[in-house]
Amino acid sequence: MKVVDNEALTMKKKVQRAKTERKILKMLDHLFLPTLYAEFEALHFSCIVMEYCSGNDLHSFHNIQPHKRFSLNSIRFYAAEVLVALE
């Protein structure tokens, strides 16, 4: 379950991003996206119950790369993943 403080979203001006994420997860059923099971509000939190995805996201992975740059092999891998997802 992903739990986000609505006040923190507002302060960081990321409310629209969170709404877009929920909208996309509701609309799509794809092997490369986590399955959305439910969403609800609890007190001042937005909650999304979705399939567990171990590991980090691409943004976090990018930030830990030397000089914040992917290797050519990594770029090829992620580009291939995107192409397969779009097919």
Protein backbone atom coordinates (compact mmCIF):
# COMPACT_ATOMS: atom_id res chain seq x y z
CA MET A 1 0.00 0.00 0.00
CA LYS A 2 1.26 3.45 -0.89
CA VAL A 3 0.28 6.10 1.66
CA VAL A 4 0.83 9.79 0.94
CA ASP A 5 0.19 12.76 3.20
CA ASN A 6 -2.14 15.12 1.31
CA GLU A 7 -0.68 18.17 3.05
CA ALA A 8 2.83 17.20 1.94
CA LEU A 9 1.59 16.78 -1.64
CA THR A 10 0.06 20.25 -1.53
CA MET A 11 3.21 21.82 -0.09
CA LYS A 12 5.37 20.18 -2.76
CA LYS A 13 2.84 21.08 -5.48
CA LYS A 14 2.50 17.44 -6.50
CA VAL A 15 -1.26 16.97 -6.11
CA GLN A 16 -1.82 16.77 -9.87
CA ARG A 17 1.01 14.24 -10.26
CA ALA A 18 -0.61 11.98 -7.64
CA LYS A 19 -4.01 12.28 -9.33
CA THR A 20 -2.45 11.42 -12.68
CA GLU A 21 -0.72 8.37 -11.21
CA ARG A 22 -4.02 7.06 -9.81
CA LYS A 23 -5.82 7.78 -13.09
CA ILE A 24 -3.21 5.91 -15.15
CA LEU A 25 -3.18 2.92 -12.80
CA LYS A 26 -7.01 2.75 -12.93
CA MET A 27 -7.13 2.94 -16.73
CA LEU A 28 -4.38 0.49 -17.65
CA ASP A 29 -3.94 -3.23 -17.22
CA HIS A 30 -0.40 -3.98 -18.36
CA LEU A 31 2.31 -6.44 -17.44
CA PHE A 32 4.81 -3.60 -16.91
CA LEU A 33 2.59 -1.63 -14.51
CA PRO A 34 1.57 -2.59 -10.98
CA THR A 35 -2.06 -3.65 -10.60
CA LEU A 36 -4.25 -1.17 -8.72
CA TYR A 37 -6.53 -3.00 -6.28
CA ALA A 38 -8.15 -0.09 -4.42
CA GLU A 39 -7.78 3.56 -3.47
CA PHE A 40 -9.21 5.50 -0.56
CA GLU A 41 -8.76 8.52 1.70
CA ALA A 42 -8.02 8.06 5.41
CA LEU A 43 -7.86 11.17 7.59
CA HIS A 44 -5.44 13.43 5.68
CA PHE A 45 -3.80 10.60 3.73
CA SER A 46 -4.37 9.24 0.22
CA CYS A 47 -3.94 5.49 0.05
CA ILE A 48 -3.38 3.31 -3.00
CA VAL A 49 -3.49 -0.47 -2.61
CA MET A 50 -1.49 -1.94 -5.46
CA GLU A 51 0.72 -4.83 -6.45
CA TYR A 52 4.04 -4.89 -4.58
CA CYS A 53 7.07 -3.91 -6.67
CA SER A 54 10.40 -4.69 -5.07
CA GLY A 55 13.42 -2.50 -5.69
CA ASN A 56 13.56 1.15 -6.60
CA ASP A 57 12.08 3.23 -9.36
CA LEU A 58 14.06 4.45 -12.35
CA HIS A 59 14.43 7.95 -10.91
CA SER A 60 16.03 6.65 -7.69
CA PHE A 61 18.28 4.35 -9.69
CA HIS A 62 19.35 7.29 -11.86
CA ASN A 63 20.30 9.36 -8.81
CA ILE A 64 22.76 6.75 -7.53
CA GLN A 65 24.61 6.38 -10.85
CA PRO A 66 28.11 7.86 -11.16
CA HIS A 67 27.67 11.46 -12.31
CA LYS A 68 23.93 10.66 -12.51
CA ARG A 69 24.48 9.02 -15.89
CA PHE A 70 23.39 5.58 -17.05
CA SER A 71 25.83 3.30 -18.83
CA LEU A 72 25.17 2.57 -22.49
CA ASN A 73 24.10 -0.98 -21.58
CA SER A 74 21.58 0.37 -19.06
CA ILE A 75 20.19 2.79 -21.63
CA ARG A 76 19.78 -0.03 -24.14
CA PHE A 77 18.04 -2.19 -21.55
CA TYR A 78 15.54 0.49 -20.46
CA ALA A 79 14.89 1.59 -24.04
CA ALA A 80 14.09 -2.02 -24.95
CA GLU A 81 11.75 -2.26 -21.93
CA VAL A 82 9.88 0.84 -23.08
CA LEU A 83 9.57 -0.50 -26.64
CA VAL A 84 8.19 -3.83 -25.40
CA ALA A 85 5.70 -1.98 -23.19
CA LEU A 86 4.50 0.10 -26.15
CA GLU A 87 3.96 -2.88 -28.45
